[in-house]
Each structure stands twice: as C-alpha cells, then as structure tokens.
Amino acid sequence: AASIRNLEESLELFEENISSKLIELDSALKKQFKELDRVQQSNVSQLK
C-alpha cells in the first residue's frame, strides 16, 4: 500500500512536472515563433 501510495505520489509529481514542462515548452515555442515572425518581417522589410 505504501509502495502504491509512493507510486501514486510519483505519478502526481510526474504529471505536475509534465504540465510544467508543457507550459514552459508552449511559452518557449510562442517566443520562438514570435521571434521568427519578427525576423521574417525584418527580412521582408530589408528585402523591400
């Protein structure tokens, strides 16, 4: 029962870590896409 509880706690912690990582990844991707869009706009402006 203790092992099961530890496993459940580990699963909950893993889910929390996964959720946190997903949030961080989503934020990082948004920043990268935003930067990529800025670079593309800059390149388009320079090309123009």
ModelCIF file with pLDDT and N, C-alpha, C, O atoms, coordinates in Angstrom:
data_MODEL
#
_entry.id   MODEL 
#
_entity.id                         1 
_entity.type                       polymer 
_entity.pdbx_number_of_molecules   1 
#
_entity_poly.entity_id                      1 
_entity_poly.type                           'polypeptide(L)' 
_entity_poly.nstd_linkage                   no 
_entity_poly.nstd_monomer                   no 
_entity_poly.pdbx_seq_one_letter_code       AASIRNLEESLELFEENISSKLIELDSALKKQFKELDRVQQSNVSQLK 
_entity_poly.pdbx_seq_one_letter_code_can   AASIRNLEESLELFEENISSKLIELDSALKKQFKELDRVQQSNVSQLK 
_entity_poly.pdbx_strand_id                 A 
#
loop_
_entity_poly_seq.entity_id 
_entity_poly_seq.num 
_entity_poly_seq.mon_id 
_entity_poly_seq.hetero 
1 1  ALA n 
1 2  ALA n 
1 3  SER n 
1 4  ILE n 
1 5  ARG n 
1 6  ASN n 
1 7  LEU n 
1 8  GLU n 
1 9  GLU n 
1 10 SER n 
1 11 LEU n 
1 12 GLU n 
1 13 LEU n 
1 14 PHE n 
1 15 GLU n 
1 16 GLU n 
1 17 ASN n 
1 18 ILE n 
1 19 SER n 
1 20 SER n 
1 21 LYS n 
1 22 LEU n 
1 23 ILE n 
1 24 GLU n 
1 25 LEU n 
1 26 ASP n 
1 27 SER n 
1 28 ALA n 
1 29 LEU n 
1 30 LYS n 
1 31 LYS n 
1 32 GLN n 
1 33 PHE n 
1 34 LYS n 
1 35 GLU n 
1 36 LEU n 
1 37 ASP n 
1 38 ARG n 
1 39 VAL n 
1 40 GLN n 
1 41 GLN n 
1 42 SER n 
1 43 ASN n 
1 44 VAL n 
1 45 SER n 
1 46 GLN n 
1 47 LEU n 
1 48 LYS n 
#
_struct_asym.id          A 
_struct_asym.entity_id   1 
#
loop_
_ma_qa_metric.id 
_ma_qa_metric.mode 
_ma_qa_metric.name 
_ma_qa_metric.software_group_id 
_ma_qa_metric.type 
1 global pLDDT . pLDDT 
2 local  pLDDT . pLDDT 
#
_ma_qa_metric_global.metric_id      1 
_ma_qa_metric_global.metric_value   78.62 
_ma_qa_metric_global.model_id       1 
_ma_qa_metric_global.ordinal_id     1 
#
loop_
_ma_qa_metric_local.label_asym_id 
_ma_qa_metric_local.label_comp_id 
_ma_qa_metric_local.label_seq_id 
_ma_qa_metric_local.metric_id 
_ma_qa_metric_local.metric_value 
_ma_qa_metric_local.model_id 
_ma_qa_metric_local.ordinal_id 
A ALA 1  2 72.00 1 1  
A ALA 2  2 74.00 1 2  
A SER 3  2 74.00 1 3  
A ILE 4  2 75.00 1 4  
A ARG 5  2 78.00 1 5  
A ASN 6  2 77.00 1 6  
A LEU 7  2 75.00 1 7  
A GLU 8  2 76.00 1 8  
A GLU 9  2 79.00 1 9  
A SER 10 2 76.00 1 10 
A LEU 11 2 76.00 1 11 
A GLU 12 2 78.00 1 12 
A LEU 13 2 80.00 1 13 
A PHE 14 2 75.00 1 14 
A GLU 15 2 76.00 1 15 
A GLU 16 2 79.00 1 16 
A ASN 17 2 78.00 1 17 
A ILE 18 2 78.00 1 18 
A SER 19 2 78.00 1 19 
A SER 20 2 81.00 1 20 
A LYS 21 2 79.00 1 21 
A LEU 22 2 80.00 1 22 
A ILE 23 2 84.00 1 23 
A GLU 24 2 83.00 1 24 
A LEU 25 2 80.00 1 25 
A ASP 26 2 80.00 1 26 
A SER 27 2 82.00 1 27 
A ALA 28 2 82.00 1 28 
A LEU 29 2 82.00 1 29 
A LYS 30 2 83.00 1 30 
A LYS 31 2 84.00 1 31 
A GLN 32 2 82.00 1 32 
A PHE 33 2 79.00 1 33 
A LYS 34 2 84.00 1 34 
A GLU 35 2 83.00 1 35 
A LEU 36 2 81.00 1 36 
A ASP 37 2 79.00 1 37 
A ARG 38 2 82.00 1 38 
A VAL 39 2 79.00 1 39 
A GLN 40 2 79.00 1 40 
A GLN 41 2 81.00 1 41 
A SER 42 2 77.00 1 42 
A ASN 43 2 76.00 1 43 
A VAL 44 2 74.00 1 44 
A SER 45 2 76.00 1 45 
A GLN 46 2 78.00 1 46 
A LEU 47 2 75.00 1 47 
A LYS 48 2 75.00 1 48 
#
loop_
_atom_site.group_PDB 
_atom_site.id 
_atom_site.type_symbol 
_atom_site.label_atom_id 
_atom_site.label_alt_id 
_atom_site.label_comp_id 
_atom_site.label_asym_id 
_atom_site.label_entity_id 
_atom_site.label_seq_id 
_atom_site.pdbx_PDB_ins_code 
_atom_site.Cartn_x 
_atom_site.Cartn_y 
_atom_site.Cartn_z 
_atom_site.occupancy 
_atom_site.B_iso_or_equiv 
_atom_site.pdbx_formal_charge 
_atom_site.auth_seq_id 
_atom_site.auth_comp_id 
_atom_site.auth_asym_id 
_atom_site.auth_atom_id 
_atom_site.pdbx_PDB_model_num 
ATOM 1   N N  . ALA A 1 1  ? 0.836  -1.197 0.000   1.00 72.00 ? 1  ALA A N  1 
ATOM 2   C CA . ALA A 1 1  ? 0.000  0.000  0.000   1.00 72.00 ? 1  ALA A CA 1 
ATOM 3   C C  . ALA A 1 1  ? 0.875  1.253  0.000   1.00 72.00 ? 1  ALA A C  1 
ATOM 4   O O  . ALA A 1 1  ? 0.580  2.228  -0.691  1.00 72.00 ? 1  ALA A O  1 
ATOM 5   N N  . ALA A 1 2  ? 1.965  1.214  0.791   1.00 74.00 ? 2  ALA A N  1 
ATOM 6   C CA . ALA A 1 2  ? 2.894  2.353  0.821   1.00 74.00 ? 2  ALA A CA 1 
ATOM 7   C C  . ALA A 1 2  ? 3.553  2.542  -0.543  1.00 74.00 ? 2  ALA A C  1 
ATOM 8   O O  . ALA A 1 2  ? 3.724  3.660  -1.029  1.00 74.00 ? 2  ALA A O  1 
ATOM 9   N N  . SER A 1 3  ? 3.918  1.401  -1.144  1.00 74.00 ? 3  SER A N  1 
ATOM 10  C CA . SER A 1 3  ? 4.522  1.477  -2.477  1.00 74.00 ? 3  SER A CA 1 
ATOM 11  C C  . SER A 1 3  ? 3.545  2.072  -3.486  1.00 74.00 ? 3  SER A C  1 
ATOM 12  O O  . SER A 1 3  ? 3.896  2.884  -4.342  1.00 74.00 ? 3  SER A O  1 
ATOM 13  N N  . ILE A 1 4  ? 2.282  1.617  -3.335  1.00 75.00 ? 4  ILE A N  1 
ATOM 14  C CA . ILE A 1 4  ? 1.261  2.150  -4.247  1.00 75.00 ? 4  ILE A CA 1 
ATOM 15  C C  . ILE A 1 4  ? 1.096  3.641  -4.027  1.00 75.00 ? 4  ILE A C  1 
ATOM 16  O O  . ILE A 1 4  ? 0.988  4.411  -4.982  1.00 75.00 ? 4  ILE A O  1 
ATOM 17  N N  . ARG A 1 5  ? 1.076  4.050  -2.746  1.00 78.00 ? 5  ARG A N  1 
ATOM 18  C CA . ARG A 1 5  ? 0.948  5.474  -2.461  1.00 78.00 ? 5  ARG A CA 1 
ATOM 19  C C  . ARG A 1 5  ? 2.150  6.248  -3.009  1.00 78.00 ? 5  ARG A C  1 
ATOM 20  O O  . ARG A 1 5  ? 2.005  7.329  -3.579  1.00 78.00 ? 5  ARG A O  1 
ATOM 21  N N  . ASN A 1 6  ? 3.339  5.668  -2.822  1.00 77.00 ? 6  ASN A N  1 
ATOM 22  C CA . ASN A 1 6  ? 4.550  6.327  -3.364  1.00 77.00 ? 6  ASN A CA 1 
ATOM 23  C C  . ASN A 1 6  ? 4.477  6.436  -4.882  1.00 77.00 ? 6  ASN A C  1 
ATOM 24  O O  . ASN A 1 6  ? 4.862  7.440  -5.482  1.00 77.00 ? 6  ASN A O  1 
ATOM 25  N N  . LEU A 1 7  ? 3.954  5.334  -5.493  1.00 75.00 ? 7  LEU A N  1 
ATOM 26  C CA . LEU A 1 7  ? 3.825  5.349  -6.947  1.00 75.00 ? 7  LEU A CA 1 
ATOM 27  C C  . LEU A 1 7  ? 2.822  6.402  -7.380  1.00 75.00 ? 7  LEU A C  1 
ATOM 28  O O  . LEU A 1 7  ? 3.046  7.125  -8.351  1.00 75.00 ? 7  LEU A O  1 
ATOM 29  N N  . GLU A 1 8  ? 1.705  6.486  -6.647  1.00 76.00 ? 8  GLU A N  1 
ATOM 30  C CA . GLU A 1 8  ? 0.707  7.498  -6.973  1.00 76.00 ? 8  GLU A CA 1 
ATOM 31  C C  . GLU A 1 8  ? 1.282  8.902  -6.816  1.00 76.00 ? 8  GLU A C  1 
ATOM 32  O O  . GLU A 1 8  ? 1.062  9.782  -7.648  1.00 76.00 ? 8  GLU A O  1 
ATOM 33  N N  . GLU A 1 9  ? 2.040  9.089  -5.703  1.00 79.00 ? 9  GLU A N  1 
ATOM 34  C CA . GLU A 1 9  ? 2.651  10.400 -5.496  1.00 79.00 ? 9  GLU A CA 1 
ATOM 35  C C  . GLU A 1 9  ? 3.661  10.717 -6.608  1.00 79.00 ? 9  GLU A C  1 
ATOM 36  O O  . GLU A 1 9  ? 3.754  11.847 -7.086  1.00 79.00 ? 9  GLU A O  1 
ATOM 37  N N  . SER A 1 10 ? 4.425  9.666  -7.007  1.00 76.00 ? 10 SER A N  1 
ATOM 38  C CA . SER A 1 10 ? 5.401  9.864  -8.092  1.00 76.00 ? 10 SER A CA 1 
ATOM 39  C C  . SER A 1 10 ? 4.691  10.215 -9.393  1.00 76.00 ? 10 SER A C  1 
ATOM 40  O O  . SER A 1 10 ? 5.134  11.078 -10.150 1.00 76.00 ? 10 SER A O  1 
ATOM 41  N N  . LEU A 1 11 ? 3.546  9.505  -9.639  1.00 76.00 ? 11 LEU A N  1 
ATOM 42  C CA . LEU A 1 11 ? 2.778  9.807  -10.835 1.00 76.00 ? 11 LEU A CA 1 
ATOM 43  C C  . LEU A 1 11 ? 2.230  11.227 -10.805 1.00 76.00 ? 11 LEU A C  1 
ATOM 44  O O  . LEU A 1 11 ? 2.259  11.937 -11.811 1.00 76.00 ? 11 LEU A O  1 
ATOM 45  N N  . GLU A 1 12 ? 1.721  11.640 -9.623  1.00 78.00 ? 12 GLU A N  1 
ATOM 46  C CA . GLU A 1 12 ? 1.215  13.006 -9.498  1.00 78.00 ? 12 GLU A CA 1 
ATOM 47  C C  . GLU A 1 12 ? 2.332  14.029 -9.728  1.00 78.00 ? 12 GLU A C  1 
ATOM 48  O O  . GLU A 1 12 ? 2.144  15.035 -10.412 1.00 78.00 ? 12 GLU A O  1 
ATOM 49  N N  . LEU A 1 13 ? 3.512  13.740 -9.132  1.00 80.00 ? 13 LEU A N  1 
ATOM 50  C CA . LEU A 1 13 ? 4.659  14.641 -9.319  1.00 80.00 ? 13 LEU A CA 1 
ATOM 51  C C  . LEU A 1 13 ? 5.094  14.666 -10.783 1.00 80.00 ? 13 LEU A C  1 
ATOM 52  O O  . LEU A 1 13 ? 5.454  15.714 -11.320 1.00 80.00 ? 13 LEU A O  1 
ATOM 53  N N  . PHE A 1 14 ? 5.054  13.475 -11.429 1.00 75.00 ? 14 PHE A N  1 
ATOM 54  C CA . PHE A 1 14 ? 5.428  13.389 -12.831 1.00 75.00 ? 14 PHE A CA 1 
ATOM 55  C C  . PHE A 1 14 ? 4.441  14.195 -13.695 1.00 75.00 ? 14 PHE A C  1 
ATOM 56  O O  . PHE A 1 14 ? 4.833  14.904 -14.623 1.00 75.00 ? 14 PHE A O  1 
ATOM 57  N N  . GLU A 1 15 ? 3.150  14.062 -13.358 1.00 76.00 ? 15 GLU A N  1 
ATOM 58  C CA . GLU A 1 15 ? 2.146  14.826 -14.092 1.00 76.00 ? 15 GLU A CA 1 
ATOM 59  C C  . GLU A 1 15 ? 2.361  16.318 -13.914 1.00 76.00 ? 15 GLU A C  1 
ATOM 60  O O  . GLU A 1 15 ? 2.243  17.098 -14.860 1.00 76.00 ? 15 GLU A O  1 
ATOM 61  N N  . GLU A 1 16 ? 2.681  16.705 -12.674 1.00 79.00 ? 16 GLU A N  1 
ATOM 62  C CA . GLU A 1 16 ? 2.944  18.121 -12.418 1.00 79.00 ? 16 GLU A CA 1 
ATOM 63  C C  . GLU A 1 16 ? 4.166  18.602 -13.214 1.00 79.00 ? 16 GLU A C  1 
ATOM 64  O O  . GLU A 1 16 ? 4.165  19.683 -13.803 1.00 79.00 ? 16 GLU A O  1 
ATOM 65  N N  . ASN A 1 17 ? 5.211  17.755 -13.207 1.00 78.00 ? 17 ASN A N  1 
ATOM 66  C CA . ASN A 1 17 ? 6.422  18.116 -13.970 1.00 78.00 ? 17 ASN A CA 1 
ATOM 67  C C  . ASN A 1 17 ? 6.122  18.198 -15.466 1.00 78.00 ? 17 ASN A C  1 
ATOM 68  O O  . ASN A 1 17 ? 6.581  19.102 -16.165 1.00 78.00 ? 17 ASN A O  1 
ATOM 69  N N  . ILE A 1 18 ? 5.321  17.204 -15.945 1.00 78.00 ? 18 ILE A N  1 
ATOM 70  C CA . ILE A 1 18 ? 4.966  17.202 -17.363 1.00 78.00 ? 18 ILE A CA 1 
ATOM 71  C C  . ILE A 1 18 ? 4.166  18.463 -17.705 1.00 78.00 ? 18 ILE A C  1 
ATOM 72  O O  . ILE A 1 18 ? 4.420  19.105 -18.725 1.00 78.00 ? 18 ILE A O  1 
ATOM 73  N N  . SER A 1 19 ? 3.219  18.807 -16.869 1.00 78.00 ? 19 SER A N  1 
ATOM 74  C CA . SER A 1 19 ? 2.404  20.002 -17.099 1.00 78.00 ? 19 SER A CA 1 
ATOM 75  C C  . SER A 1 19 ? 3.273  21.257 -17.108 1.00 78.00 ? 19 SER A C  1 
ATOM 76  O O  . SER A 1 19 ? 3.119  22.136 -17.955 1.00 78.00 ? 19 SER A O  1 
ATOM 77  N N  . SER A 1 20 ? 4.195  21.314 -16.137 1.00 81.00 ? 20 SER A N  1 
ATOM 78  C CA . SER A 1 20 ? 5.107  22.457 -16.057 1.00 81.00 ? 20 SER A CA 1 
ATOM 79  C C  . SER A 1 20 ? 5.995  22.543 -17.294 1.00 81.00 ? 20 SER A C  1 
ATOM 80  O O  . SER A 1 20 ? 6.222  23.621 -17.843 1.00 81.00 ? 20 SER A O  1 
ATOM 81  N N  . LYS A 1 21 ? 6.494  21.372 -17.723 1.00 79.00 ? 21 LYS A N  1 
ATOM 82  C CA . LYS A 1 21 ? 7.353  21.347 -18.912 1.00 79.00 ? 21 LYS A CA 1 
ATOM 83  C C  . LYS A 1 21 ? 6.569  21.749 -20.162 1.00 79.00 ? 21 LYS A C  1 
ATOM 84  O O  . LYS A 1 21 ? 7.063  22.468 -21.030 1.00 79.00 ? 21 LYS A O  1 
ATOM 85  N N  . LEU A 1 22 ? 5.311  21.249 -20.220 1.00 80.00 ? 22 LEU A N  1 
ATOM 86  C CA . LEU A 1 22 ? 4.484  21.601 -21.369 1.00 80.00 ? 22 LEU A CA 1 
ATOM 87  C C  . LEU A 1 22 ? 4.216  23.105 -21.415 1.00 80.00 ? 22 LEU A C  1 
ATOM 88  O O  . LEU A 1 22 ? 4.233  23.716 -22.483 1.00 80.00 ? 22 LEU A O  1 
ATOM 89  N N  . ILE A 1 23 ? 3.970  23.692 -20.248 1.00 84.00 ? 23 ILE A N  1 
ATOM 90  C CA . ILE A 1 23 ? 3.747  25.141 -20.183 1.00 84.00 ? 23 ILE A CA 1 
ATOM 91  C C  . ILE A 1 23 ? 5.005  25.896 -20.609 1.00 84.00 ? 23 ILE A C  1 
ATOM 92  O O  . ILE A 1 23 ? 4.950  26.857 -21.377 1.00 84.00 ? 23 ILE A O  1 
ATOM 93  N N  . GLU A 1 24 ? 6.156  25.424 -20.077 1.00 83.00 ? 24 GLU A N  1 
ATOM 94  C CA . GLU A 1 24 ? 7.423  26.060 -20.462 1.00 83.00 ? 24 GLU A CA 1 
ATOM 95  C C  . GLU A 1 24 ? 7.692  25.906 -21.957 1.00 83.00 ? 24 GLU A C  1 
ATOM 96  O O  . GLU A 1 24 ? 8.135  26.844 -22.618 1.00 83.00 ? 24 GLU A O  1 
ATOM 97  N N  . LEU A 1 25 ? 7.416  24.701 -22.483 1.00 80.00 ? 25 LEU A N  1 
ATOM 98  C CA . LEU A 1 25 ? 7.627  24.447 -23.904 1.00 80.00 ? 25 LEU A CA 1 
ATOM 99  C C  . LEU A 1 25 ? 6.702  25.322 -24.745 1.00 80.00 ? 25 LEU A C  1 
ATOM 100 O O  . LEU A 1 25 ? 7.124  25.887 -25.754 1.00 80.00 ? 25 LEU A O  1 
ATOM 101 N N  . ASP A 1 26 ? 5.447  25.431 -24.333 1.00 80.00 ? 26 ASP A N  1 
ATOM 102 C CA . ASP A 1 26 ? 4.495  26.269 -25.056 1.00 80.00 ? 26 ASP A CA 1 
ATOM 103 C C  . ASP A 1 26 ? 4.946  27.721 -25.052 1.00 80.00 ? 26 ASP A C  1 
ATOM 104 O O  . ASP A 1 26 ? 4.877  28.399 -26.078 1.00 80.00 ? 26 ASP A O  1 
ATOM 105 N N  . SER A 1 27 ? 5.413  28.207 -23.887 1.00 82.00 ? 27 SER A N  1 
ATOM 106 C CA . SER A 1 27 ? 5.903  29.578 -23.798 1.00 82.00 ? 27 SER A CA 1 
ATOM 107 C C  . SER A 1 27 ? 7.128  29.787 -24.675 1.00 82.00 ? 27 SER A C  1 
ATOM 108 O O  . SER A 1 27 ? 7.255  30.798 -25.366 1.00 82.00 ? 27 SER A O  1 
ATOM 109 N N  . ALA A 1 28 ? 8.045  28.786 -24.631 1.00 82.00 ? 28 ALA A N  1 
ATOM 110 C CA . ALA A 1 28 ? 9.259  28.891 -25.443 1.00 82.00 ? 28 ALA A CA 1 
ATOM 111 C C  . ALA A 1 28 ? 8.923  28.892 -26.934 1.00 82.00 ? 28 ALA A C  1 
ATOM 112 O O  . ALA A 1 28 ? 9.499  29.660 -27.704 1.00 82.00 ? 28 ALA A O  1 
ATOM 113 N N  . LEU A 1 29 ? 7.976  28.016 -27.341 1.00 82.00 ? 29 LEU A N  1 
ATOM 114 C CA . LEU A 1 29 ? 7.576  27.963 -28.750 1.00 82.00 ? 29 LEU A CA 1 
ATOM 115 C C  . LEU A 1 29 ? 6.932  29.273 -29.182 1.00 82.00 ? 29 LEU A C  1 
ATOM 116 O O  . LEU A 1 29 ? 7.186  29.760 -30.284 1.00 82.00 ? 29 LEU A O  1 
ATOM 117 N N  . LYS A 1 30 ? 6.092  29.848 -28.310 1.00 83.00 ? 30 LYS A N  1 
ATOM 118 C CA . LYS A 1 30 ? 5.476  31.129 -28.639 1.00 83.00 ? 30 LYS A CA 1 
ATOM 119 C C  . LYS A 1 30 ? 6.535  32.212 -28.828 1.00 83.00 ? 30 LYS A C  1 
ATOM 120 O O  . LYS A 1 30 ? 6.461  33.016 -29.757 1.00 83.00 ? 30 LYS A O  1 
ATOM 121 N N  . LYS A 1 31 ? 7.541  32.217 -27.913 1.00 84.00 ? 31 LYS A N  1 
ATOM 122 C CA . LYS A 1 31 ? 8.623  33.205 -28.051 1.00 84.00 ? 31 LYS A CA 1 
ATOM 123 C C  . LYS A 1 31 ? 9.402  32.994 -29.338 1.00 84.00 ? 31 LYS A C  1 
ATOM 124 O O  . LYS A 1 31 ? 9.745  33.949 -30.035 1.00 84.00 ? 31 LYS A O  1 
ATOM 125 N N  . GLN A 1 32 ? 9.685  31.701 -29.654 1.00 82.00 ? 32 GLN A N  1 
ATOM 126 C CA . GLN A 1 32 ? 10.434 31.410 -30.876 1.00 82.00 ? 32 GLN A CA 1 
ATOM 127 C C  . GLN A 1 32 ? 9.648  31.812 -32.120 1.00 82.00 ? 32 GLN A C  1 
ATOM 128 O O  . GLN A 1 32 ? 10.196 32.407 -33.048 1.00 82.00 ? 32 GLN A O  1 
ATOM 129 N N  . PHE A 1 33 ? 8.339  31.475 -32.128 1.00 79.00 ? 33 PHE A N  1 
ATOM 130 C CA . PHE A 1 33 ? 7.519  31.862 -33.278 1.00 79.00 ? 33 PHE A CA 1 
ATOM 131 C C  . PHE A 1 33 ? 7.419  33.382 -33.391 1.00 79.00 ? 33 PHE A C  1 
ATOM 132 O O  . PHE A 1 33 ? 7.443  33.941 -34.488 1.00 79.00 ? 33 PHE A O  1 
ATOM 133 N N  . LYS A 1 34 ? 7.306  34.040 -32.234 1.00 84.00 ? 34 LYS A N  1 
ATOM 134 C CA . LYS A 1 34 ? 7.254  35.499 -32.252 1.00 84.00 ? 34 LYS A CA 1 
ATOM 135 C C  . LYS A 1 34 ? 8.549  36.085 -32.791 1.00 84.00 ? 34 LYS A C  1 
ATOM 136 O O  . LYS A 1 34 ? 8.525  37.020 -33.592 1.00 84.00 ? 34 LYS A O  1 
ATOM 137 N N  . GLU A 1 35 ? 9.683  35.540 -32.354 1.00 83.00 ? 35 GLU A N  1 
ATOM 138 C CA . GLU A 1 35 ? 10.983 36.000 -32.833 1.00 83.00 ? 35 GLU A CA 1 
ATOM 139 C C  . GLU A 1 35 ? 11.155 35.690 -34.317 1.00 83.00 ? 35 GLU A C  1 
ATOM 140 O O  . GLU A 1 35 ? 11.676 36.503 -35.081 1.00 83.00 ? 35 GLU A O  1 
ATOM 141 N N  . LEU A 1 36 ? 10.701 34.483 -34.712 1.00 81.00 ? 36 LEU A N  1 
ATOM 142 C CA . LEU A 1 36 ? 10.778 34.114 -36.126 1.00 81.00 ? 36 LEU A CA 1 
ATOM 143 C C  . LEU A 1 36 ? 9.937  35.055 -36.976 1.00 81.00 ? 36 LEU A C  1 
ATOM 144 O O  . LEU A 1 36 ? 10.357 35.458 -38.061 1.00 81.00 ? 36 LEU A O  1 
ATOM 145 N N  . ASP A 1 37 ? 8.747  35.407 -36.486 1.00 79.00 ? 37 ASP A N  1 
ATOM 146 C CA . ASP A 1 37 ? 7.891  36.333 -37.221 1.00 79.00 ? 37 ASP A CA 1 
ATOM 147 C C  . ASP A 1 37 ? 8.548  37.702 -37.309 1.00 79.00 ? 37 ASP A C  1 
ATOM 148 O O  . ASP A 1 37 ? 8.486  38.362 -38.346 1.00 79.00 ? 37 ASP A O  1 
ATOM 149 N N  . ARG A 1 38 ? 9.190  38.134 -36.197 1.00 82.00 ? 38 ARG A N  1 
ATOM 150 C CA . ARG A 1 38 ? 9.879  39.428 -36.218 1.00 82.00 ? 38 ARG A CA 1 
ATOM 151 C C  . ARG A 1 38 ? 11.030 39.415 -37.212 1.00 82.00 ? 38 ARG A C  1 
ATOM 152 O O  . ARG A 1 38 ? 11.226 40.375 -37.958 1.00 82.00 ? 38 ARG A O  1 
ATOM 153 N N  . VAL A 1 39 ? 11.805 38.303 -37.222 1.00 79.00 ? 39 VAL A N  1 
ATOM 154 C CA . VAL A 1 39 ? 12.927 38.185 -38.152 1.00 79.00 ? 39 VAL A CA 1 
ATOM 155 C C  . VAL A 1 39 ? 12.437 38.177 -39.599 1.00 79.00 ? 39 VAL A C  1 
ATOM 156 O O  . VAL A 1 39 ? 13.024 38.811 -40.475 1.00 79.00 ? 39 VAL A O  1 
ATOM 157 N N  . GLN A 1 40 ? 11.334 37.435 -39.829 1.00 79.00 ? 40 GLN A N  1 
ATOM 158 C CA . GLN A 1 40 ? 10.780 37.399 -41.185 1.00 79.00 ? 40 GLN A CA 1 
ATOM 159 C C  . GLN A 1 40 ? 10.311 38.775 -41.625 1.00 79.00 ? 40 GLN A C  1 
ATOM 160 O O  . GLN A 1 40 ? 10.550 39.193 -42.758 1.00 79.00 ? 40 GLN A O  1 
ATOM 161 N N  . GLN A 1 41 ? 9.631  39.485 -40.704 1.00 81.00 ? 41 GLN A N  1 
ATOM 162 C CA . GLN A 1 41 ? 9.192  40.831 -41.044 1.00 81.00 ? 41 GLN A CA 1 
ATOM 163 C C  . GLN A 1 41 ? 10.380 41.740 -41.319 1.00 81.00 ? 41 GLN A C  1 
ATOM 164 O O  . GLN A 1 41 ? 10.355 42.566 -42.231 1.00 81.00 ? 41 GLN A O  1 
ATOM 165 N N  . SER A 1 42 ? 11.440 41.568 -40.497 1.00 77.00 ? 42 SER A N  1 
ATOM 166 C CA . SER A 1 42 ? 12.656 42.366 -40.709 1.00 77.00 ? 42 SER A CA 1 
ATOM 167 C C  . SER A 1 42 ? 13.285 42.037 -42.054 1.00 77.00 ? 42 SER A C  1 
ATOM 168 O O  . SER A 1 42 ? 13.711 42.928 -42.789 1.00 77.00 ? 42 SER A O  1 
ATOM 169 N N  . ASN A 1 43 ? 13.337 40.723 -42.371 1.00 76.00 ? 43 ASN A N  1 
ATOM 170 C CA . ASN A 1 43 ? 13.914 40.310 -43.663 1.00 76.00 ? 43 ASN A CA 1 
ATOM 171 C C  . ASN A 1 43 ? 13.083 40.843 -44.823 1.00 76.00 ? 43 ASN A C  1 
ATOM 172 O O  . ASN A 1 43 ? 13.620 41.301 -45.832 1.00 76.00 ? 43 ASN A O  1 
ATOM 173 N N  . VAL A 1 44 ? 11.748 40.776 -44.663 1.00 74.00 ? 44 VAL A N  1 
ATOM 174 C CA . VAL A 1 44 ? 10.876 41.293 -45.717 1.00 74.00 ? 44 VAL A CA 1 
ATOM 175 C C  . VAL A 1 44 ? 11.089 42.798 -45.878 1.00 74.00 ? 44 VAL A C  1 
ATOM 176 O O  . VAL A 1 44 ? 11.148 43.316 -46.993 1.00 74.00 ? 44 VAL A O  1 
ATOM 177 N N  . SER A 1 45 ? 11.205 43.494 -44.730 1.00 76.00 ? 45 SER A N  1 
ATOM 178 C CA . SER A 1 45 ? 11.434 44.935 -44.785 1.00 76.00 ? 45 SER A CA 1 
ATOM 179 C C  . SER A 1 45 ? 12.768 45.252 -45.443 1.00 76.00 ? 45 SER A C  1 
ATOM 180 O O  . SER A 1 45 ? 12.863 46.157 -46.272 1.00 76.00 ? 45 SER A O  1 
ATOM 181 N N  . GLN A 1 46 ? 13.814 44.486 -45.063 1.00 78.00 ? 46 GLN A N  1 
ATOM 182 C CA . GLN A 1 46 ? 15.131 44.697 -45.665 1.00 78.00 ? 46 GLN A CA 1 
ATOM 183 C C  . GLN A 1 46 ? 15.103 44.382 -47.156 1.00 78.00 ? 46 GLN A C  1 
ATOM 184 O O  . GLN A 1 46 ? 15.681 45.105 -47.967 1.00 78.00 ? 46 GLN A O  1 
ATOM 185 N N  . LEU A 1 47 ? 14.412 43.278 -47.510 1.00 75.00 ? 47 LEU A N  1 
ATOM 186 C CA . LEU A 1 47 ? 14.307 42.914 -48.925 1.00 75.00 ? 47 LEU A CA 1 
ATOM 187 C C  . LEU A 1 47 ? 13.565 43.984 -49.705 1.00 75.00 ? 47 LEU A C  1 
ATOM 188 O O  . LEU A 1 47 ? 13.959 44.336 -50.817 1.00 75.00 ? 47 LEU A O  1 
ATOM 189 N N  . LYS A 1 48 ? 12.480 44.505 -49.116 1.00 75.00 ? 48 LYS A N  1 
ATOM 190 C CA . LYS A 1 48 ? 11.721 45.559 -49.768 1.00 75.00 ? 48 LYS A CA 1 
ATOM 191 C C  . LYS A 1 48 ? 12.576 46.807 -49.927 1.00 75.00 ? 48 LYS A C  1 
ATOM 192 O O  . LYS A 1 48 ? 12.108 47.812 -50.461 1.00 75.00 ? 48 LYS A O  1 
#
